Protein backbone atom coordinates (compact mmCIF):
# COMPACT_ATOMS: atom_id res chain seq x y z
CA MET A 1 -8.53 -8.74 8.19
CA ILE A 2 -6.69 -8.66 11.52
CA ILE A 3 -8.45 -8.55 14.88
CA PRO A 4 -8.69 -5.19 16.74
CA VAL A 5 -6.01 -4.23 19.23
CA GLN A 6 -8.41 -4.39 22.18
CA GLU A 7 -9.22 -8.00 21.32
CA ILE A 8 -5.51 -8.76 21.03
CA ARG A 9 -4.97 -7.22 24.46
CA SER A 10 -7.62 -9.50 26.00
CA HIS A 11 -5.27 -12.45 25.42
CA PHE A 12 -2.49 -11.03 27.64
CA PRO A 13 -3.07 -11.39 31.39
CA ALA A 14 -0.06 -9.18 32.20
CA LEU A 15 -1.99 -6.19 30.85
CA TRP A 16 -4.38 -6.35 33.81
CA ARG A 17 -1.61 -5.19 36.14
CA THR A 18 -1.70 -1.76 37.78
CA HIS A 19 1.11 0.22 39.41
CA ASN A 20 0.64 3.30 41.60
CA GLY A 21 -2.96 3.35 40.51
CA HIS A 22 -2.06 3.35 36.78
CA GLU A 23 -2.69 0.62 34.22
CA VAL A 24 0.73 -0.71 33.24
CA ALA A 25 1.85 -0.01 29.68
CA TYR A 26 4.65 -2.38 28.67
CA PHE A 27 7.18 -0.66 26.42
CA ASP A 28 9.91 -3.19 27.25
CA GLY A 29 9.03 -5.57 24.40
CA PRO A 30 12.47 -5.39 22.71
CA GLY A 31 13.86 -7.01 25.85
CA GLY A 32 11.03 -9.55 26.06
CA THR A 33 7.34 -9.39 25.27
CA GLN A 34 4.38 -10.37 27.40
CA VAL A 35 2.80 -13.78 26.84
CA PRO A 36 -0.76 -14.65 25.73
CA HIS A 37 -2.97 -17.26 27.37
CA ALA A 38 -2.45 -19.66 24.45
CA VAL A 39 1.27 -19.90 25.19
CA ILE A 40 0.72 -20.31 28.92
CA ASP A 41 -1.89 -23.02 28.26
CA ALA A 42 0.39 -24.94 25.90
CA MET A 43 3.24 -24.96 28.41
CA THR A 44 0.97 -25.89 31.30
CA ASP A 45 -0.67 -28.67 29.28
CA TYR A 46 2.73 -30.12 28.46
CA LEU A 47 3.88 -30.14 32.09
CA LEU A 48 0.58 -31.52 33.40
CA ASN A 49 -0.14 -34.15 30.78
CA HIS A 50 2.88 -35.04 28.63
CA ASN A 51 6.03 -34.40 30.67
CA ALA A 52 8.70 -36.97 29.74
CA ASN A 53 12.03 -37.34 28.03
CA THR A 54 12.17 -38.24 24.36
CA HIS A 55 12.50 -41.37 22.20
CA TRP A 56 11.14 -44.01 24.56
CA ALA A 57 8.30 -46.49 24.11
CA PHE A 58 5.73 -45.26 26.63
CA PRO A 59 2.91 -42.78 25.83
CA THR A 60 4.14 -39.54 27.43
CA SER A 61 7.53 -39.93 25.74
CA ALA A 62 5.88 -40.53 22.37
CA GLU A 63 3.64 -37.50 23.00
CA THR A 64 6.72 -35.39 23.74
CA ASP A 65 8.30 -36.55 20.50
CA GLU A 66 5.17 -35.50 18.62
CA ILE A 67 5.02 -32.10 20.35
CA VAL A 68 8.67 -31.41 19.48
CA ALA A 69 8.11 -32.48 15.87
CA ASN A 70 5.01 -30.30 15.57
CA SER A 71 6.92 -27.38 17.07
CA ARG A 72 9.74 -27.76 14.57
CA GLN A 73 7.13 -27.56 11.82
CA ALA A 74 5.56 -24.45 13.36
CA LEU A 75 8.92 -22.67 13.60
CA ALA A 76 9.81 -23.86 10.10
CA ASP A 77 6.61 -22.19 8.86
CA PHE A 78 7.54 -19.07 10.82
CA LEU A 79 10.96 -18.84 9.15
CA ASN A 80 10.06 -20.43 5.77
CA ALA A 81 12.41 -23.33 6.43
CA SER A 82 12.14 -27.11 6.72
CA PRO A 83 11.58 -28.84 10.09
CA ASP A 84 14.93 -30.61 9.84
CA GLU A 85 16.59 -27.17 9.68
CA ILE A 86 15.20 -26.00 13.05
CA ALA A 87 17.19 -26.53 16.25
CA PHE A 88 16.24 -25.37 19.73
CA GLY A 89 18.44 -24.11 22.56
CA GLN A 90 18.34 -22.09 25.76
CA ASN A 91 18.66 -18.78 23.93
CA MET A 92 20.15 -17.18 20.84
CA THR A 93 23.41 -16.39 22.64
CA SER A 94 24.09 -19.98 23.70
CA LEU A 95 23.16 -21.27 20.24
CA THR A 96 25.54 -18.77 18.61
CA PHE A 97 28.40 -19.74 20.91
CA HIS A 98 27.66 -23.40 20.11
CA LEU A 99 27.65 -22.74 16.38
CA SER A 100 30.82 -20.65 16.52
CA ARG A 101 32.66 -23.43 18.29
CA ALA A 102 31.47 -25.94 15.70
CA LEU A 103 32.42 -23.74 12.76
CA GLY A 104 35.82 -23.07 14.29
CA GLY A 105 37.03 -26.45 13.14
CA ARG A 106 36.67 -25.26 9.55
CA PHE A 107 38.70 -22.10 10.02
CA ALA A 108 42.48 -21.68 10.02
CA GLU A 109 44.78 -19.11 11.58
CA GLY A 110 44.61 -15.88 9.61
CA ASP A 111 41.09 -16.48 8.33
CA GLU A 112 38.63 -13.62 8.67
CA ILE A 113 35.14 -12.96 10.02
CA ILE A 114 33.07 -9.87 9.28
CA CYS A 115 30.75 -8.46 11.97
CA THR A 116 28.96 -5.12 12.28
CA GLU A 117 29.10 -2.28 14.78
CA LEU A 118 25.30 -2.16 14.86
CA ASP A 119 24.83 -5.62 16.32
CA HIS A 120 23.91 -6.94 19.73
CA HIS A 121 27.07 -8.44 21.22
CA ALA A 122 25.51 -11.90 21.05
CA ASN A 123 26.42 -11.65 17.37
CA ILE A 124 29.87 -10.20 18.01
CA ASP A 125 31.47 -11.81 21.04
CA PRO A 126 30.97 -15.50 20.12
CA TRP A 127 32.96 -14.73 16.98
CA ARG A 128 35.44 -12.61 18.93
CA PHE A 129 36.16 -15.50 21.31
CA LEU A 130 36.52 -17.86 18.35
CA ALA A 131 38.96 -15.42 16.76
CA LYS A 132 41.01 -15.34 19.95
CA GLU A 133 41.14 -19.14 20.16
CA ARG A 134 41.88 -19.76 16.48
CA GLY A 135 44.03 -16.74 15.59
CA LEU A 136 41.38 -15.28 13.29
CA ASN A 137 40.87 -11.65 12.32
CA ILE A 138 37.59 -9.76 12.71
CA ASN A 139 36.63 -6.82 10.54
CA PHE A 140 33.65 -4.56 11.16
CA ILE A 141 31.08 -2.88 8.96
CA THR A 142 30.51 0.54 10.52
CA PHE A 143 27.24 2.39 10.92
CA ASP A 144 26.27 6.01 10.35
CA THR A 145 25.65 7.62 13.72
CA GLU A 146 23.30 10.26 12.30
CA SER A 147 20.88 7.93 10.52
CA GLY A 148 21.59 4.81 12.56
CA THR A 149 21.97 2.81 9.36
CA LEU A 150 24.60 0.26 8.44
CA ASN A 151 27.27 1.31 5.94
CA LEU A 152 26.64 -1.82 3.91
CA ASP A 153 28.63 -0.51 0.95
CA GLU A 154 31.73 -1.33 3.00
CA LEU A 155 31.03 -5.05 2.88
CA GLN A 156 32.41 -5.76 -0.59
CA GLY A 157 35.70 -4.09 0.26
CA LEU A 158 36.07 -6.09 3.48
CA ILE A 159 35.77 -9.49 1.83
CA THR A 160 39.05 -11.19 0.92
CA ASP A 161 40.02 -14.73 -0.06
CA ARG A 162 40.50 -15.42 3.68
CA THR A 163 36.95 -14.34 4.69
CA LYS A 164 34.95 -17.30 6.00
CA LEU A 165 31.87 -15.82 7.67
CA LEU A 166 29.62 -12.76 7.67
CA ALA A 167 27.72 -12.24 10.95
CA ILE A 168 25.04 -9.58 10.54
CA GLY A 169 21.91 -8.45 12.36
CA ALA A 170 18.63 -8.09 10.50
CA ALA A 171 17.52 -5.30 12.85
CA SER A 172 19.18 -3.27 15.60
CA ASN A 173 17.73 -3.90 19.05
CA ALA A 174 19.08 -0.49 20.17
CA LEU A 175 17.98 1.76 17.32
CA GLY A 176 15.30 -0.18 15.44
CA THR A 177 17.26 -0.07 12.17
CA ILE A 178 16.35 -2.73 9.61
CA SER A 179 19.35 -3.68 7.47
CA ASP A 180 19.36 -5.18 3.99
CA VAL A 181 20.48 -8.68 4.93
CA LYS A 182 19.28 -10.09 1.62
CA LYS A 183 21.82 -7.92 -0.19
CA ALA A 184 24.51 -8.72 2.37
CA CYS A 185 23.93 -12.47 2.14
CA ALA A 186 24.01 -12.31 -1.67
CA ILE A 187 27.40 -10.58 -1.56
CA ALA A 188 28.66 -13.20 0.89
CA ARG A 189 27.29 -16.08 -1.16
CA ASP A 190 28.92 -14.80 -4.36
CA ALA A 191 32.24 -14.76 -2.49
CA ARG A 192 31.59 -18.26 -1.04
CA VAL A 193 31.41 -16.81 2.45
CA LEU A 194 29.00 -18.28 5.01
CA SER A 195 26.33 -15.97 6.41
CA PHE A 196 24.82 -15.90 9.90
CA VAL A 197 21.85 -13.60 10.58
CA ASP A 198 20.77 -12.45 14.03
CA ALA A 199 17.00 -12.01 13.65
CA VAL A 200 16.16 -11.70 17.33
CA HIS A 201 14.92 -8.11 17.05
CA TYR A 202 13.65 -8.50 13.49
CA ALA A 203 11.40 -11.54 14.00
CA PRO A 204 8.71 -9.83 16.15
CA HIS A 205 8.25 -7.08 13.55
CA GLU A 206 8.80 -8.52 10.08
CA LEU A 207 8.10 -12.06 8.91
CA VAL A 208 11.43 -13.83 8.47
CA ASP A 209 12.06 -15.63 5.18
CA VAL A 210 15.35 -17.51 5.25
CA ARG A 211 14.93 -18.55 1.60
CA ASP A 212 14.51 -14.96 0.51
CA PHE A 213 17.39 -13.81 2.73
CA GLY A 214 19.61 -16.50 1.24
CA CYS A 215 21.38 -16.97 4.56
CA ASP A 216 23.16 -20.10 5.76
CA PHE A 217 22.21 -19.67 9.41
CA LEU A 218 19.72 -17.54 11.33
CA ALA A 219 18.85 -17.30 15.00
CA CYS A 220 15.94 -15.78 16.89
CA SER A 221 14.32 -15.97 20.33
CA ALA A 222 10.69 -16.88 21.03
CA TYR A 223 10.45 -14.59 24.07
CA LYS A 224 10.75 -11.61 21.72
CA PHE A 225 7.64 -12.69 19.76
CA TYR A 226 5.24 -13.48 22.62
CA GLY A 227 6.65 -16.90 23.54
CA PRO A 228 8.78 -18.37 26.33
CA HIS A 229 12.51 -18.04 26.92
CA ILE A 230 13.93 -20.32 24.23
CA GLY A 231 16.18 -19.81 21.23
CA ILE A 232 15.77 -21.09 17.69
CA LEU A 233 18.55 -21.75 15.20
CA PHE A 234 17.95 -22.24 11.49
CA GLY A 235 20.72 -23.80 9.46
CA ARG A 236 20.71 -25.17 5.94
CA ASN A 237 20.25 -28.90 6.30
CA GLU A 238 23.42 -29.87 4.45
CA LEU A 239 25.43 -27.62 6.77
CA LEU A 240 23.80 -28.88 9.97
CA ASN A 241 24.58 -32.45 8.87
CA SER A 242 28.18 -31.77 7.85
CA ILE A 243 29.47 -29.45 10.58
CA ASP A 244 31.29 -31.20 13.42
CA PHE A 245 29.12 -29.99 16.30
CA PRO A 246 30.36 -30.77 19.82
CA LYS A 247 28.09 -33.59 20.96
CA LEU A 248 27.96 -36.70 23.11
CA ARG A 249 28.82 -39.90 21.26
CA PRO A 250 25.45 -41.62 21.90
CA ALA A 251 23.49 -38.52 20.82
CA PRO A 252 21.68 -38.55 17.45
CA ASP A 253 23.84 -38.07 14.36
CA ALA A 254 21.21 -36.53 12.09
CA ALA A 255 20.14 -32.90 11.96
CA PRO A 256 18.62 -31.12 13.70
CA ASP A 257 18.96 -33.33 16.81
CA ARG A 258 22.74 -33.45 16.45
CA VAL A 259 22.86 -29.67 16.95
CA GLU A 260 21.02 -29.77 20.29
CA THR A 261 22.93 -30.56 23.48
CA GLY A 262 21.28 -32.40 26.36
CA THR A 263 17.62 -32.50 27.32
CA GLN A 264 15.67 -29.56 25.97
CA SER A 265 12.98 -27.46 27.67
CA HIS A 266 10.09 -29.31 26.07
CA GLU A 267 7.50 -27.04 27.66
CA SER A 268 9.26 -24.03 26.12
CA ILE A 269 9.36 -25.74 22.73
CA ALA A 270 5.60 -26.26 23.01
CA GLY A 271 5.19 -22.62 24.02
CA ALA A 272 7.24 -21.36 21.07
CA ALA A 273 4.96 -23.19 18.66
CA ALA A 274 1.93 -21.78 20.46
CA ALA A 275 3.33 -18.26 20.00
CA VAL A 276 3.62 -18.84 16.25
CA ASP A 277 0.06 -20.18 16.12
CA PHE A 278 -1.18 -17.21 18.15
CA LEU A 279 0.37 -14.77 15.67
CA ALA A 280 -1.12 -16.73 12.77
CA SER A 281 -4.54 -16.64 14.47
CA LEU A 282 -4.61 -12.84 14.33
CA SER A 283 -5.56 -13.03 10.64
CA GLU A 284 -8.11 -15.20 8.84
CA ASP A 285 -6.61 -14.45 5.42
CA GLY A 286 -4.74 -17.42 3.99
CA ASP A 287 -5.12 -21.18 3.75
CA SER A 288 -1.82 -22.12 5.39
CA ARG A 289 -0.15 -21.07 8.63
CA ARG A 290 2.58 -19.29 6.65
CA GLU A 291 -0.01 -17.36 4.61
CA ARG A 292 -1.90 -16.31 7.74
CA LEU A 293 1.37 -15.22 9.34
CA ALA A 294 2.20 -13.13 6.28
CA SER A 295 -1.21 -11.45 6.37
CA ALA A 296 -1.01 -10.77 10.11
CA PHE A 297 2.51 -9.34 9.90
CA ARG A 298 1.56 -7.00 7.05
CA GLU A 299 -1.27 -5.44 9.03
CA LEU A 300 0.62 -5.43 12.32
CA HIS A 301 3.49 -3.61 10.62
CA ALA A 302 1.09 -0.94 9.37
CA ARG A 303 -0.38 -0.48 12.86
CA GLN A 304 3.00 -0.26 14.50
CA SER A 305 4.26 2.19 11.86
CA ASP A 306 1.40 4.49 12.86
CA LEU A 307 2.42 4.17 16.50
CA VAL A 308 6.05 4.96 15.67
CA ARG A 309 5.03 8.08 13.78
CA ARG A 310 2.86 9.21 16.72
CA LEU A 311 5.68 8.53 19.18
CA TRP A 312 8.35 10.14 16.99
CA ASP A 313 6.33 13.29 16.41
CA GLY A 314 5.45 13.57 20.10
CA LEU A 315 9.03 13.15 21.31
CA SER A 316 10.42 15.44 18.61
CA ALA A 317 8.30 18.30 19.92
CA ILE A 318 9.83 18.11 23.41
CA GLY A 319 12.80 20.35 24.16
CA GLY A 320 15.90 18.52 25.34
CA VAL A 321 14.86 15.17 23.83
CA ARG A 322 17.23 13.60 21.31
CA ILE A 323 15.97 10.65 19.26
CA PHE A 324 18.38 8.16 17.71
CA GLY A 325 18.07 5.86 14.72
CA PRO A 326 16.20 5.95 11.41
CA ASN A 327 13.25 8.28 10.99
CA PRO A 328 9.77 6.76 10.47
CA GLU A 329 10.06 6.90 6.68
CA MET A 330 13.10 4.60 6.67
CA PRO A 331 13.14 0.80 7.12
CA ARG A 332 12.81 0.28 10.86
CA THR A 333 11.04 -1.65 13.57
CA SER A 334 8.68 -0.06 16.08
CA THR A 335 11.51 0.48 18.59
CA VAL A 336 12.51 4.09 19.32
CA SER A 337 15.39 5.15 21.58
CA PHE A 338 16.08 8.60 22.99
CA THR A 339 17.79 10.62 25.70
CA ILE A 340 16.74 13.66 27.73
CA ASP A 341 19.34 16.37 28.31
CA GLY A 342 20.46 16.47 31.93
CA VAL A 343 18.55 13.34 32.98
CA ASP A 344 20.25 9.94 32.82
CA SER A 345 18.29 7.11 31.25
CA GLU A 346 17.94 5.09 34.46
CA THR A 347 16.29 8.06 36.16
CA VAL A 348 13.96 8.46 33.18
CA SER A 349 13.02 4.78 33.40
CA ARG A 350 12.30 5.03 37.15
CA ARG A 351 10.16 8.14 36.73
CA LEU A 352 8.20 6.62 33.87
CA ALA A 353 7.56 3.56 36.00
CA GLU A 354 5.93 5.76 38.64
CA ASP A 355 3.22 6.42 36.04
CA GLY A 356 2.89 2.74 35.13
CA LEU A 357 5.03 3.11 31.99
CA PHE A 358 7.58 0.29 31.92
CA ALA A 359 10.51 1.03 29.60
CA SER A 360 14.08 -0.29 29.60
CA ASN A 361 17.32 1.69 29.62
CA GLY A 362 21.02 1.09 29.08
CA ASP A 363 23.01 -0.28 26.15
CA PHE A 364 20.90 -3.45 25.69
CA TYR A 365 24.10 -5.43 25.00
CA ALA A 366 24.60 -3.29 21.89
CA SER A 367 27.38 -1.47 23.71
CA THR A 368 29.33 -0.63 20.56
CA VAL A 369 26.32 1.37 19.34
CA VAL A 370 26.15 3.38 22.55
CA GLU A 371 29.91 3.98 22.50
CA ARG A 372 29.83 5.16 18.88
CA LEU A 373 26.97 7.54 19.73
CA GLY A 374 29.15 9.05 22.45
CA LEU A 375 26.60 8.42 25.18
CA PRO A 376 27.37 7.94 28.88
CA GLU A 377 27.28 4.54 30.53
CA THR A 378 23.57 4.87 31.33
CA GLY A 379 22.93 4.81 27.57
CA LEU A 380 19.51 5.11 25.97
CA LEU A 381 15.89 4.99 27.04
CA ARG A 382 14.20 2.46 24.74
CA ILE A 383 10.51 2.36 23.81
CA GLY A 384 9.15 -0.73 22.09
CA CYS A 385 5.71 -0.77 20.48
CA CYS A 386 4.21 -4.25 20.41
CA ILE A 387 1.02 -5.80 19.07
CA TYR A 388 -0.76 -4.84 22.32
CA THR A 389 0.42 -1.20 22.37
CA THR A 390 -2.29 1.45 21.95
CA GLN A 391 -2.32 5.07 20.84
CA ASP A 392 -3.48 6.08 24.33
CA GLU A 393 -0.38 4.44 25.82
CA ILE A 394 1.83 6.38 23.40
CA ASP A 395 0.12 9.61 24.45
CA ARG A 396 0.59 8.76 28.15
CA LEU A 397 4.28 8.17 27.52
CA VAL A 398 4.79 11.44 25.63
CA GLU A 399 3.00 13.39 28.36
CA ALA A 400 5.22 11.78 31.01
CA VAL A 401 8.39 12.63 29.04
CA VAL A 402 7.19 16.25 28.81
CA ARG A 403 7.01 16.36 32.62
CA ILE A 404 10.44 14.76 33.05
CA ALA A 405 12.12 17.00 30.48
CA GLY A 406 10.41 20.17 31.76
């Protein structure tokens, strides 16, 4: 059994905010969620009581080592990995650039990488820059603009004996589409092609399982699942230990430390673990942290599916509103994007904010998606339903869109 939404909301101090006399409803979760007290407390406790650099003989350094180790275990439980397969970094983008540079040493001129049109450019441009430096070729899996789904059947035909890597997103941050990465990774594995999964938008909505995906690498960001601004990279241990990562000579040689450059944000690492524990605490079903996470995510998914249906039906009834992406019956996250005829998305965002409804607009760094949809530069208005979103907030949003569109 999962705790009620009102009890969940009591953990988030940001929800006490008002704007123009309205309680603020945060629909900007796909760009970064609000943070519960447990995460704030973990980060504050680290800075007040344990702040030190790692691997020295005095107590605060040893305590930092223990906090980092415990956090690796928490994120390993979150992704169904091993602690020695979890590396931390500033964000998913920097980790992906770092990995692309390291993998580049294994690729030769004329080799190929496969990306997708549906992805955030953090999973396109690191590979594009590598291709430019190494003389590689990039091929793209297209997506269907009507359904917002990836044309995954194209993958098999794109793979050749020169293909070295598949870079694919588990979920679209612009449209909410969930793609079948398990199938994609299996195709890549059969062809002896490495697979990298961007799970930044997927991880807040569906429990990641790197073993089930069968991927070689996966990246996500804690600030999308109620934690601080820090990125997490999973890599199969044998790969993390064999790839020639750029590193300082005195730095550790064993994974995952050899993947990480410089001193990390230890307070953010502590906060990321606290975010995982907070999500696990939402359910009492299960003996292990992973089991409690699985139970919590199942029920949270059901709640958010109800919110998506309410939002979808409400927006669909408004003249001049065009919704993009998969319908509620298809695999999707609780992120819905739309436009209003004759009103650019930035204006919509500003007018919603007047009513205390905070929603983001633009291309969300998924600019290829917006271009393929034939939208203007202002792009989409994006609504993200999170674990603290209520039905009343959805109704407030729909009513405000009616006023804007009318």
